[in-house]
Amino acid sequence: MKVLIQRSKNSNVKISNEIVGEITKGIVVFLGVGKNDTTKDIDYLVNKIINLRIFEDNEGKMNNSLNDIGGEVLLVSQFTLYADTKKGRRPSFIHASAPEKAKEFYELFKKKMIQQGVVVQTGVFQADMEVNIVNDGPVTIIIDTENYK
């Protein structure tokens, strides 16, 4: 699995100009599911994201996690994280999972985040969405579970 996370002051997802998900302070998570991903990848990422110390403490150092600040998550499905641009000019997505598996993993990821006490808002799987982010910092981090296996 691949995620791109952004520390956020406030963010939302709109579909046809209607807000369907919105958070204040927290993390926007763009989630990409690959063909070979397992539920262990979900467990790893949920734990990593909620405990990653990317929020500033009283001294301005990144010492606090999402849990520490009581932050929220805006979860957005993002198969394009698996874009392969090595050949030609059109990205290939052959390493992305099939939509059925991606949706199942997306829903399980959301469920596991909620089970950890995180407030989770979402976009709509496979919808044409407008994502508005006020990136705090800016802080943007990419995590690929292939690097941790």
C-alpha atoms as a PDB file:
ATOM      1  CA  MET A   1       0.000   0.000   0.000  1.00  0.00           C
ATOM      2  CA  LYS A   2       1.030   3.548  -0.555  1.00  0.00           C
ATOM      3  CA  VAL A   3      -0.165   6.604   1.304  1.00  0.00           C
ATOM      4  CA  LEU A   4       0.539  10.245   0.871  1.00  0.00           C
ATOM      5  CA  ILE A   5      -0.280  12.082   4.070  1.00  0.00           C
ATOM      6  CA  GLN A   6      -0.531  15.810   4.602  1.00  0.00           C
ATOM      7  CA  ARG A   7      -0.772  17.580   7.923  1.00  0.00           C
ATOM      8  CA  SER A   8      -3.841  19.780   7.655  1.00  0.00           C
ATOM      9  CA  LYS A   9      -5.363  22.805   9.383  1.00  0.00           C
ATOM     10  CA  ASN A  10      -8.670  22.095   7.663  1.00  0.00           C
ATOM     11  CA  SER A  11      -9.683  20.142   4.592  1.00  0.00           C
ATOM     12  CA  ASN A  12     -12.736  18.871   2.772  1.00  0.00           C
ATOM     13  CA  VAL A  13     -13.920  16.750  -0.106  1.00  0.00           C
ATOM     14  CA  LYS A  14     -16.651  17.968  -2.439  1.00  0.00           C
ATOM     15  CA  ILE A  15     -18.690  16.135  -5.022  1.00  0.00           C
ATOM     16  CA  SER A  16     -20.756  18.339  -7.340  1.00  0.00           C
ATOM     17  CA  ASN A  17     -19.996  21.329  -5.069  1.00  0.00           C
ATOM     18  CA  GLU A  18     -21.380  19.528  -1.988  1.00  0.00           C
ATOM     19  CA  ILE A  19     -19.076  18.779   0.940  1.00  0.00           C
ATOM     20  CA  VAL A  20     -19.152  15.041   1.690  1.00  0.00           C
ATOM     21  CA  GLY A  21     -16.266  14.913   4.174  1.00  0.00           C
ATOM     22  CA  GLU A  22     -14.537  17.582   6.240  1.00  0.00           C
ATOM     23  CA  ILE A  23     -11.954  17.806   9.020  1.00  0.00           C
ATOM     24  CA  THR A  24     -10.307  20.515  11.057  1.00  0.00           C
ATOM     25  CA  LYS A  25      -6.833  19.829  12.515  1.00  0.00           C
ATOM     26  CA  GLY A  26      -5.469  16.453  11.468  1.00  0.00           C
ATOM     27  CA  ILE A  27      -4.177  14.484   8.519  1.00  0.00           C
ATOM     28  CA  VAL A  28      -5.390  14.029   4.959  1.00  0.00           C
ATOM     29  CA  VAL A  29      -4.614  10.460   3.881  1.00  0.00           C
ATOM     30  CA  PHE A  30      -4.514   9.591   0.191  1.00  0.00           C
ATOM     31  CA  LEU A  31      -4.634   5.777   0.107  1.00  0.00           C
ATOM     32  CA  GLY A  32      -3.484   3.623  -2.797  1.00  0.00           C
ATOM     33  CA  VAL A  33      -3.955  -0.151  -2.755  1.00  0.00           C
ATOM     34  CA  GLY A  34      -1.625  -2.381  -4.743  1.00  0.00           C
ATOM     35  CA  LYS A  35      -2.180  -5.814  -6.256  1.00  0.00           C
ATOM     36  CA  ASN A  36      -0.046  -7.609  -3.674  1.00  0.00           C
ATOM     37  CA  ASP A  37      -1.225  -5.791  -0.560  1.00  0.00           C
ATOM     38  CA  THR A  38      -2.598  -7.687   2.426  1.00  0.00           C
ATOM     39  CA  THR A  39      -4.479  -6.745   5.569  1.00  0.00           C
ATOM     40  CA  LYS A  40      -1.097  -6.657   7.358  1.00  0.00           C
ATOM     41  CA  ASP A  41      -0.315  -3.581   5.261  1.00  0.00           C
ATOM     42  CA  ILE A  42      -3.459  -1.920   6.593  1.00  0.00           C
ATOM     43  CA  ASP A  43      -2.522  -2.711  10.194  1.00  0.00           C
ATOM     44  CA  TYR A  44       0.983  -1.363   9.658  1.00  0.00           C
ATOM     45  CA  LEU A  45      -0.217   1.897   8.084  1.00  0.00           C
ATOM     46  CA  VAL A  46      -2.990   2.584  10.591  1.00  0.00           C
ATOM     47  CA  ASN A  47      -0.539   2.177  13.469  1.00  0.00           C
ATOM     48  CA  LYS A  48       2.158   4.216  11.718  1.00  0.00           C
ATOM     49  CA  ILE A  49      -0.143   7.096  10.766  1.00  0.00           C
ATOM     50  CA  ILE A  50      -1.868   7.576  14.107  1.00  0.00           C
ATOM     51  CA  ASN A  51       1.423   7.412  16.026  1.00  0.00           C
ATOM     52  CA  LEU A  52       3.662   9.326  13.605  1.00  0.00           C
ATOM     53  CA  ARG A  53       5.027  12.343  15.463  1.00  0.00           C
ATOM     54  CA  ILE A  54       4.452  15.105  12.906  1.00  0.00           C
ATOM     55  CA  PHE A  55       2.611  17.686  15.015  1.00  0.00           C
ATOM     56  CA  GLU A  56       4.431  20.376  16.933  1.00  0.00           C
ATOM     57  CA  ASP A  57       4.689  20.457  20.701  1.00  0.00           C
ATOM     58  CA  ASN A  58       4.826  23.648  22.807  1.00  0.00           C
ATOM     59  CA  GLU A  59       8.441  24.167  21.760  1.00  0.00           C
ATOM     60  CA  GLY A  60       7.710  23.916  18.028  1.00  0.00           C
ATOM     61  CA  LYS A  61       9.270  20.467  17.608  1.00  0.00           C
ATOM     62  CA  MET A  62       7.491  17.616  15.843  1.00  0.00           C
ATOM     63  CA  ASN A  63       6.904  15.485  18.934  1.00  0.00           C
ATOM     64  CA  ASN A  64       3.149  14.935  18.900  1.00  0.00           C
ATOM     65  CA  SER A  65       1.110  12.343  17.026  1.00  0.00           C
ATOM     66  CA  LEU A  66      -2.418  12.435  15.685  1.00  0.00           C
ATOM     67  CA  ASN A  67      -3.479  10.642  18.873  1.00  0.00           C
ATOM     68  CA  ASP A  68      -1.676  13.190  21.045  1.00  0.00           C
ATOM     69  CA  ILE A  69      -3.523  16.145  19.530  1.00  0.00           C
ATOM     70  CA  GLY A  70      -6.905  14.412  19.102  1.00  0.00           C
ATOM     71  CA  GLY A  71      -6.684  15.047  15.368  1.00  0.00           C
ATOM     72  CA  GLU A  72      -8.993  13.834  12.635  1.00  0.00           C
ATOM     73  CA  VAL A  73      -8.384  12.008   9.346  1.00  0.00           C
ATOM     74  CA  LEU A  74      -9.782  12.797   5.920  1.00  0.00           C
ATOM     75  CA  LEU A  75      -9.398   9.550   3.953  1.00  0.00           C
ATOM     76  CA  VAL A  76      -9.379   9.692   0.146  1.00  0.00           C
ATOM     77  CA  SER A  77      -8.927   6.719  -2.198  1.00  0.00           C
ATOM     78  CA  GLN A  78      -6.077   7.414  -4.637  1.00  0.00           C
ATOM     79  CA  PHE A  79      -5.196   4.632  -7.085  1.00  0.00           C
ATOM     80  CA  THR A  80      -2.974   7.059  -9.014  1.00  0.00           C
ATOM     81  CA  LEU A  81      -0.319   6.629  -6.307  1.00  0.00           C
ATOM     82  CA  TYR A  82       0.487   3.463  -8.257  1.00  0.00           C
ATOM     83  CA  ALA A  83       1.191   5.345 -11.495  1.00  0.00           C
ATOM     84  CA  ASP A  84       4.142   3.898 -13.391  1.00  0.00           C
ATOM     85  CA  THR A  85       5.641   6.595 -15.609  1.00  0.00           C
ATOM     86  CA  LYS A  86       8.789   4.780 -16.767  1.00  0.00           C
ATOM     87  CA  LYS A  87       7.640   4.300 -20.360  1.00  0.00           C
ATOM     88  CA  GLY A  88       5.831   6.653 -22.668  1.00  0.00           C
ATOM     89  CA  ARG A  89       3.761   9.642 -21.676  1.00  0.00           C
ATOM     90  CA  ARG A  90       0.677   7.968 -20.296  1.00  0.00           C
ATOM     91  CA  PRO A  91       0.941   6.497 -16.794  1.00  0.00           C
ATOM     92  CA  SER A  92       0.317   2.795 -16.382  1.00  0.00           C
ATOM     93  CA  PHE A  93      -1.623   1.541 -13.370  1.00  0.00           C
ATOM     94  CA  ILE A  94      -0.862  -2.168 -13.701  1.00  0.00           C
ATOM     95  CA  HIS A  95       0.410  -2.358 -10.112  1.00  0.00           C
ATOM     96  CA  ALA A  96      -2.791  -0.909  -8.623  1.00  0.00           C
ATOM     97  CA  SER A  97      -5.297  -3.411  -7.284  1.00  0.00           C
ATOM     98  CA  ALA A  98      -8.632  -4.125  -8.898  1.00  0.00           C
ATOM     99  CA  PRO A  99     -11.387  -1.737  -7.754  1.00  0.00           C
ATOM    100  CA  GLU A 100     -13.191  -4.453  -5.769  1.00  0.00           C
ATOM    101  CA  LYS A 101     -10.157  -5.199  -3.608  1.00  0.00           C
ATOM    102  CA  ALA A 102      -9.253  -1.510  -3.314  1.00  0.00           C
ATOM    103  CA  LYS A 103     -12.732  -0.650  -2.031  1.00  0.00           C
ATOM    104  CA  GLU A 104     -12.649  -3.522   0.479  1.00  0.00           C
ATOM    105  CA  PHE A 105      -9.248  -2.400   1.788  1.00  0.00           C
ATOM    106  CA  TYR A 106     -10.308   1.266   1.831  1.00  0.00           C
ATOM    107  CA  GLU A 107     -13.336   0.395   3.983  1.00  0.00           C
ATOM    108  CA  LEU A 108     -11.251  -1.837   6.263  1.00  0.00           C
ATOM    109  CA  PHE A 109      -8.628   0.899   6.641  1.00  0.00           C
ATOM    110  CA  LYS A 110     -11.372   3.337   7.672  1.00  0.00           C
ATOM    111  CA  LYS A 111     -12.860   0.814  10.117  1.00  0.00           C
ATOM    112  CA  LYS A 112      -9.492   0.143  11.769  1.00  0.00           C
ATOM    113  CA  MET A 113      -8.794   3.856  12.133  1.00  0.00           C
ATOM    114  CA  ILE A 114     -12.169   4.337  13.824  1.00  0.00           C
ATOM    115  CA  GLN A 115     -11.489   1.356  16.108  1.00  0.00           C
ATOM    116  CA  GLN A 116      -8.375   3.212  17.268  1.00  0.00           C
ATOM    117  CA  GLY A 117     -10.548   6.154  18.311  1.00  0.00           C
ATOM    118  CA  VAL A 118      -9.809   8.389  15.327  1.00  0.00           C
ATOM    119  CA  VAL A 119     -12.548  10.553  13.824  1.00  0.00           C
ATOM    120  CA  VAL A 120     -12.525   9.687  10.109  1.00  0.00           C
ATOM    121  CA  GLN A 121     -14.225  11.542   7.296  1.00  0.00           C
ATOM    122  CA  THR A 122     -14.044  10.258   3.722  1.00  0.00           C
ATOM    123  CA  GLY A 123     -14.579  11.003   0.124  1.00  0.00           C
ATOM    124  CA  VAL A 124     -16.610   8.614  -2.026  1.00  0.00           C
ATOM    125  CA  PHE A 125     -14.782   5.647  -3.528  1.00  0.00           C
ATOM    126  CA  GLN A 126     -14.304   6.021  -7.327  1.00  0.00           C
ATOM    127  CA  ALA A 127     -16.137   9.363  -7.405  1.00  0.00           C
ATOM    128  CA  ASP A 128     -14.895  12.459  -9.200  1.00  0.00           C
ATOM    129  CA  MET A 129     -13.922  14.552  -6.170  1.00  0.00           C
ATOM    130  CA  GLU A 130     -12.553  17.985  -5.439  1.00  0.00           C
ATOM    131  CA  VAL A 131     -10.178  17.850  -2.471  1.00  0.00           C
ATOM    132  CA  ASN A 132      -9.449  21.125  -0.700  1.00  0.00           C
ATOM    133  CA  ILE A 133      -6.500  21.057   1.688  1.00  0.00           C
ATOM    134  CA  VAL A 134      -4.954  23.697   3.888  1.00  0.00           C
ATOM    135  CA  ASN A 135      -1.600  21.961   4.319  1.00  0.00           C
ATOM    136  CA  ASP A 136      -0.110  22.822   7.700  1.00  0.00           C
ATOM    137  CA  GLY A 137       3.628  23.405   7.521  1.00  0.00           C
ATOM    138  CA  PRO A 138       3.569  22.262   4.784  1.00  0.00           C
ATOM    139  CA  VAL A 139       4.141  18.709   5.937  1.00  0.00           C
ATOM    140  CA  THR A 140       3.708  15.985   3.299  1.00  0.00           C
ATOM    141  CA  ILE A 141       4.963  12.416   3.770  1.00  0.00           C
ATOM    142  CA  ILE A 142       4.857   9.330   1.536  1.00  0.00           C
ATOM    143  CA  ILE A 143       4.744   5.870   3.103  1.00  0.00           C
ATOM    144  CA  ASP A 144       5.024   2.745   0.952  1.00  0.00           C
ATOM    145  CA  THR A 145       4.615  -0.597   2.741  1.00  0.00           C
ATOM    146  CA  GLU A 146       6.937  -2.211   0.169  1.00  0.00           C
ATOM    147  CA  ASN A 147       9.768  -0.364   1.909  1.00  0.00           C
ATOM    148  CA  TYR A 148       8.960  -1.984   5.255  1.00  0.00           C
ATOM    149  CA  LYS A 149       8.456  -5.651   4.336  1.00  0.00           C
END
